[in-house]
Amino acid sequence: MLNQLICSLKRLSDKNNTGNDDELVYQALAQCCLSVGKKAPYFQFEYEKNLVLQARLKHPDYPIVRLSIITGIDRRRVAKFLKGQAYLHYTDKLDMLMTYLKNHCEKQNTNKILKYGKFESFQYFCKIAANGKLTSRAMADELLLQGKIIDKGRFFYLPNARS
């Protein structure tokens, strides 16, 4: 990933001679995260953890509150990073949706699920998984592109739902 970051920085600096180095770094980091497949919560968690650890290396005698001030991260979170007790609590919405769909299909002993309806439909499980953050249409489009579901008129077919 470091080589990708360096290549992205070189490519962007050749393209944009604006003189805004911060913007180039952010663009290069974004390109690297997308190429590796890292999502924003994972990147932010790792960034904060390493920021705290680097601040501790630079200032080993600083108390947690001072490290919190210089990093801009909550003191309780800083303490957890230093103790190695900080964990990322993030679940991918599409993965969660696929889990719901597969469990439903196994329970019903079928590979198809109704697209729309109040209960036990694709739309219903989207509401549970995404909690209003993504529409069922957007989630369906992405799953169709990934080949995890197949459109069959009123139903979606899950090719690998049952073993």
C-alpha atoms as a PDB file:
ATOM      1  CA  MET A   1       0.000   0.000   0.000  1.00  0.00           C
ATOM      2  CA  LEU A   2       2.938   2.313   0.622  1.00  0.00           C
ATOM      3  CA  ASN A   3       4.082   1.956  -2.989  1.00  0.00           C
ATOM      4  CA  GLN A   4       0.545   2.744  -4.165  1.00  0.00           C
ATOM      5  CA  LEU A   5       0.506   5.828  -1.962  1.00  0.00           C
ATOM      6  CA  ILE A   6       3.823   7.060  -3.328  1.00  0.00           C
ATOM      7  CA  CYS A   7       2.738   6.427  -6.927  1.00  0.00           C
ATOM      8  CA  SER A   8      -0.577   8.208  -6.322  1.00  0.00           C
ATOM      9  CA  LEU A   9       1.218  11.190  -4.794  1.00  0.00           C
ATOM     10  CA  LYS A  10       3.597  11.436  -7.757  1.00  0.00           C
ATOM     11  CA  ARG A  11       0.786  11.100 -10.289  1.00  0.00           C
ATOM     12  CA  LEU A  12      -1.377  13.684  -8.533  1.00  0.00           C
ATOM     13  CA  SER A  13       1.470  16.151  -8.048  1.00  0.00           C
ATOM     14  CA  ASP A  14       2.360  15.922 -11.750  1.00  0.00           C
ATOM     15  CA  LYS A  15      -1.279  16.495 -12.673  1.00  0.00           C
ATOM     16  CA  ASN A  16      -2.104  19.267 -10.186  1.00  0.00           C
ATOM     17  CA  ASN A  17       0.429  22.031  -9.736  1.00  0.00           C
ATOM     18  CA  THR A  18      -1.807  23.937  -7.327  1.00  0.00           C
ATOM     19  CA  GLY A  19       0.697  23.937  -4.483  1.00  0.00           C
ATOM     20  CA  ASN A  20      -1.836  22.530  -2.014  1.00  0.00           C
ATOM     21  CA  ASP A  21       0.154  19.607  -0.601  1.00  0.00           C
ATOM     22  CA  ASP A  22      -2.480  18.695   2.004  1.00  0.00           C
ATOM     23  CA  GLU A  23      -5.108  18.164  -0.671  1.00  0.00           C
ATOM     24  CA  LEU A  24      -2.732  15.947  -2.666  1.00  0.00           C
ATOM     25  CA  VAL A  25      -2.050  13.773   0.377  1.00  0.00           C
ATOM     26  CA  TYR A  26      -5.779  13.361   1.083  1.00  0.00           C
ATOM     27  CA  GLN A  27      -6.489  12.489  -2.544  1.00  0.00           C
ATOM     28  CA  ALA A  28      -3.661   9.947  -2.613  1.00  0.00           C
ATOM     29  CA  LEU A  29      -4.847   8.336   0.631  1.00  0.00           C
ATOM     30  CA  ALA A  30      -8.385   8.129  -0.738  1.00  0.00           C
ATOM     31  CA  GLN A  31      -7.140   6.477  -3.932  1.00  0.00           C
ATOM     32  CA  CYS A  32      -5.118   3.940  -1.937  1.00  0.00           C
ATOM     33  CA  CYS A  33      -8.019   3.084   0.357  1.00  0.00           C
ATOM     34  CA  LEU A  34     -10.320   2.560  -2.604  1.00  0.00           C
ATOM     35  CA  SER A  35      -7.790   0.449  -4.496  1.00  0.00           C
ATOM     36  CA  VAL A  36      -7.144  -1.765  -1.464  1.00  0.00           C
ATOM     37  CA  GLY A  37     -10.838  -1.915  -0.567  1.00  0.00           C
ATOM     38  CA  LYS A  38     -10.631  -0.247   2.844  1.00  0.00           C
ATOM     39  CA  LYS A  39     -13.773   1.541   3.933  1.00  0.00           C
ATOM     40  CA  ALA A  40     -13.834   4.840   5.811  1.00  0.00           C
ATOM     41  CA  PRO A  41     -14.468   3.436   9.328  1.00  0.00           C
ATOM     42  CA  TYR A  42     -11.546   1.004   9.042  1.00  0.00           C
ATOM     43  CA  PHE A  43      -9.225   3.715   7.776  1.00  0.00           C
ATOM     44  CA  GLN A  44     -10.302   6.206  10.441  1.00  0.00           C
ATOM     45  CA  PHE A  45      -9.852   3.657  13.241  1.00  0.00           C
ATOM     46  CA  GLU A  46      -6.350   2.680  12.095  1.00  0.00           C
ATOM     47  CA  TYR A  47      -5.404   6.323  11.559  1.00  0.00           C
ATOM     48  CA  GLU A  48      -6.502   7.329  15.074  1.00  0.00           C
ATOM     49  CA  LYS A  49      -4.752   4.340  16.640  1.00  0.00           C
ATOM     50  CA  ASN A  50      -1.472   5.099  14.878  1.00  0.00           C
ATOM     51  CA  LEU A  51      -1.784   8.815  15.618  1.00  0.00           C
ATOM     52  CA  VAL A  52      -2.029   8.045  19.345  1.00  0.00           C
ATOM     53  CA  LEU A  53       0.828   5.534  19.254  1.00  0.00           C
ATOM     54  CA  GLN A  54       3.091   7.957  17.355  1.00  0.00           C
ATOM     55  CA  ALA A  55       2.238  10.743  19.804  1.00  0.00           C
ATOM     56  CA  ARG A  56       3.177   8.399  22.687  1.00  0.00           C
ATOM     57  CA  LEU A  57       6.505   7.585  21.005  1.00  0.00           C
ATOM     58  CA  LYS A  58       7.266  11.258  20.477  1.00  0.00           C
ATOM     59  CA  HIS A  59       6.183  12.283  23.985  1.00  0.00           C
ATOM     60  CA  PRO A  60       6.537   9.246  26.291  1.00  0.00           C
ATOM     61  CA  ASP A  61       6.122  11.305  29.471  1.00  0.00           C
ATOM     62  CA  TYR A  62       2.860  13.037  28.477  1.00  0.00           C
ATOM     63  CA  PRO A  63      -0.258  11.987  30.394  1.00  0.00           C
ATOM     64  CA  ILE A  64      -3.296  10.691  28.532  1.00  0.00           C
ATOM     65  CA  VAL A  65      -5.110  14.025  28.742  1.00  0.00           C
ATOM     66  CA  ARG A  66      -2.203  15.823  27.064  1.00  0.00           C
ATOM     67  CA  LEU A  67      -2.034  13.179  24.330  1.00  0.00           C
ATOM     68  CA  SER A  68      -5.757  13.686  23.856  1.00  0.00           C
ATOM     69  CA  ILE A  69      -5.261  17.410  23.422  1.00  0.00           C
ATOM     70  CA  ILE A  70      -2.470  17.135  20.862  1.00  0.00           C
ATOM     71  CA  THR A  71      -4.201  14.392  18.831  1.00  0.00           C
ATOM     72  CA  GLY A  72      -7.762  15.700  19.124  1.00  0.00           C
ATOM     73  CA  ILE A  73      -9.028  12.246  20.142  1.00  0.00           C
ATOM     74  CA  ASP A  74     -11.199  11.666  23.211  1.00  0.00           C
ATOM     75  CA  ARG A  75      -9.131  10.812  26.299  1.00  0.00           C
ATOM     76  CA  ARG A  76     -11.067   7.595  26.969  1.00  0.00           C
ATOM     77  CA  ARG A  77     -10.364   6.426  23.428  1.00  0.00           C
ATOM     78  CA  VAL A  78      -6.676   7.402  23.785  1.00  0.00           C
ATOM     79  CA  ALA A  79      -6.448   5.288  26.937  1.00  0.00           C
ATOM     80  CA  LYS A  80      -7.996   2.313  25.140  1.00  0.00           C
ATOM     81  CA  PHE A  81      -5.572   2.678  22.221  1.00  0.00           C
ATOM     82  CA  LEU A  82      -2.602   2.755  24.601  1.00  0.00           C
ATOM     83  CA  LYS A  83      -3.834  -0.317  26.495  1.00  0.00           C
ATOM     84  CA  GLY A  84      -4.603  -2.140  23.254  1.00  0.00           C
ATOM     85  CA  GLN A  85      -8.274  -2.421  24.180  1.00  0.00           C
ATOM     86  CA  ALA A  86      -9.774  -0.311  21.388  1.00  0.00           C
ATOM     87  CA  TYR A  87     -11.784  -2.276  18.862  1.00  0.00           C
ATOM     88  CA  LEU A  88     -13.564  -1.239  15.729  1.00  0.00           C
ATOM     89  CA  HIS A  89     -17.319  -1.690  16.088  1.00  0.00           C
ATOM     90  CA  TYR A  90     -18.385  -1.549  12.462  1.00  0.00           C
ATOM     91  CA  THR A  91     -20.468  -3.913  10.418  1.00  0.00           C
ATOM     92  CA  ASP A  92     -20.723  -3.619   6.678  1.00  0.00           C
ATOM     93  CA  LYS A  93     -24.348  -3.074   5.724  1.00  0.00           C
ATOM     94  CA  LEU A  94     -24.226  -5.303   2.648  1.00  0.00           C
ATOM     95  CA  ASP A  95     -22.631  -8.146   4.597  1.00  0.00           C
ATOM     96  CA  MET A  96     -25.294  -7.818   7.265  1.00  0.00           C
ATOM     97  CA  LEU A  97     -28.031  -7.813   4.612  1.00  0.00           C
ATOM     98  CA  MET A  98     -26.610 -10.939   2.977  1.00  0.00           C
ATOM     99  CA  THR A  99     -26.557 -12.665   6.370  1.00  0.00           C
ATOM    100  CA  TYR A 100     -30.231 -11.815   6.918  1.00  0.00           C
ATOM    101  CA  LEU A 101     -31.154 -13.001   3.431  1.00  0.00           C
ATOM    102  CA  LYS A 102     -29.250 -16.282   3.735  1.00  0.00           C
ATOM    103  CA  ASN A 103     -30.720 -17.004   7.165  1.00  0.00           C
ATOM    104  CA  HIS A 104     -34.206 -16.314   5.863  1.00  0.00           C
ATOM    105  CA  CYS A 105     -33.673 -18.551   2.832  1.00  0.00           C
ATOM    106  CA  GLU A 106     -32.346 -21.384   4.993  1.00  0.00           C
ATOM    107  CA  LYS A 107     -35.300 -21.031   7.356  1.00  0.00           C
ATOM    108  CA  GLN A 108     -37.793 -21.072   4.462  1.00  0.00           C
ATOM    109  CA  ASN A 109     -35.840 -23.770   2.581  1.00  0.00           C
ATOM    110  CA  THR A 110     -35.746 -21.726  -0.638  1.00  0.00           C
ATOM    111  CA  ASN A 111     -33.329 -19.653  -2.695  1.00  0.00           C
ATOM    112  CA  LYS A 112     -35.695 -16.824  -3.586  1.00  0.00           C
ATOM    113  CA  ILE A 113     -36.969 -13.874  -1.642  1.00  0.00           C
ATOM    114  CA  LEU A 114     -39.797 -11.468  -2.402  1.00  0.00           C
ATOM    115  CA  LYS A 115     -38.569  -8.012  -3.486  1.00  0.00           C
ATOM    116  CA  TYR A 116     -41.191  -5.836  -1.790  1.00  0.00           C
ATOM    117  CA  GLY A 117     -43.427  -6.321   1.207  1.00  0.00           C
ATOM    118  CA  LYS A 118     -43.903  -5.439   4.852  1.00  0.00           C
ATOM    119  CA  PHE A 119     -42.362  -8.580   6.300  1.00  0.00           C
ATOM    120  CA  GLU A 120     -39.649 -11.017   5.256  1.00  0.00           C
ATOM    121  CA  SER A 121     -38.970  -9.302   1.945  1.00  0.00           C
ATOM    122  CA  PHE A 122     -35.789  -7.882   0.482  1.00  0.00           C
ATOM    123  CA  GLN A 123     -37.049  -4.370   1.223  1.00  0.00           C
ATOM    124  CA  TYR A 124     -37.778  -5.330   4.861  1.00  0.00           C
ATOM    125  CA  PHE A 125     -34.304  -6.791   5.419  1.00  0.00           C
ATOM    126  CA  CYS A 126     -32.718  -3.703   3.817  1.00  0.00           C
ATOM    127  CA  LYS A 127     -34.488  -1.495   6.355  1.00  0.00           C
ATOM    128  CA  ILE A 128     -33.138  -3.629   9.180  1.00  0.00           C
ATOM    129  CA  ALA A 129     -29.568  -3.824   7.841  1.00  0.00           C
ATOM    130  CA  ALA A 130     -29.113  -0.225   6.658  1.00  0.00           C
ATOM    131  CA  ASN A 131     -31.371   1.503   9.180  1.00  0.00           C
ATOM    132  CA  GLY A 132     -32.405   4.156   6.653  1.00  0.00           C
ATOM    133  CA  LYS A 133     -28.845   4.984   5.555  1.00  0.00           C
ATOM    134  CA  LEU A 134     -29.135   3.210   2.178  1.00  0.00           C
ATOM    135  CA  THR A 135     -32.153   2.547   0.019  1.00  0.00           C
ATOM    136  CA  SER A 136     -33.196  -0.966  -0.868  1.00  0.00           C
ATOM    137  CA  ARG A 137     -32.751  -0.087  -4.561  1.00  0.00           C
ATOM    138  CA  ALA A 138     -29.138   0.998  -4.016  1.00  0.00           C
ATOM    139  CA  MET A 139     -28.370  -2.142  -2.039  1.00  0.00           C
ATOM    140  CA  ALA A 140     -30.030  -4.320  -4.678  1.00  0.00           C
ATOM    141  CA  ASP A 141     -28.063  -2.625  -7.458  1.00  0.00           C
ATOM    142  CA  GLU A 142     -24.775  -3.254  -5.666  1.00  0.00           C
ATOM    143  CA  LEU A 143     -25.588  -6.887  -4.884  1.00  0.00           C
ATOM    144  CA  LEU A 144     -26.666  -7.411  -8.498  1.00  0.00           C
ATOM    145  CA  LEU A 145     -23.361  -5.953  -9.712  1.00  0.00           C
ATOM    146  CA  GLN A 146     -21.436  -8.215  -7.352  1.00  0.00           C
ATOM    147  CA  GLY A 147     -23.414 -11.236  -8.550  1.00  0.00           C
ATOM    148  CA  LYS A 148     -24.661 -12.134  -5.073  1.00  0.00           C
ATOM    149  CA  ILE A 149     -28.317 -11.937  -6.113  1.00  0.00           C
ATOM    150  CA  ILE A 150     -30.164 -12.440  -9.401  1.00  0.00           C
ATOM    151  CA  ASP A 151     -33.266 -10.507 -10.442  1.00  0.00           C
ATOM    152  CA  LYS A 152     -36.186 -12.856 -11.215  1.00  0.00           C
ATOM    153  CA  GLY A 153     -39.150 -10.486 -11.677  1.00  0.00           C
ATOM    154  CA  ARG A 154     -40.990 -10.219  -8.354  1.00  0.00           C
ATOM    155  CA  PHE A 155     -38.224 -12.116  -6.557  1.00  0.00           C
ATOM    156  CA  PHE A 156     -34.503 -12.002  -5.995  1.00  0.00           C
ATOM    157  CA  TYR A 157     -32.719 -15.321  -6.330  1.00  0.00           C
ATOM    158  CA  LEU A 158     -29.744 -16.051  -4.047  1.00  0.00           C
ATOM    159  CA  PRO A 159     -27.559 -18.567  -5.909  1.00  0.00           C
ATOM    160  CA  ASN A 160     -25.541 -19.647  -2.863  1.00  0.00           C
ATOM    161  CA  ALA A 161     -28.153 -19.324  -0.135  1.00  0.00           C
ATOM    162  CA  ARG A 162     -28.641 -23.005   0.639  1.00  0.00           C
ATOM    163  CA  SER A 163     -25.919 -25.563   0.840  1.00  0.00           C
END
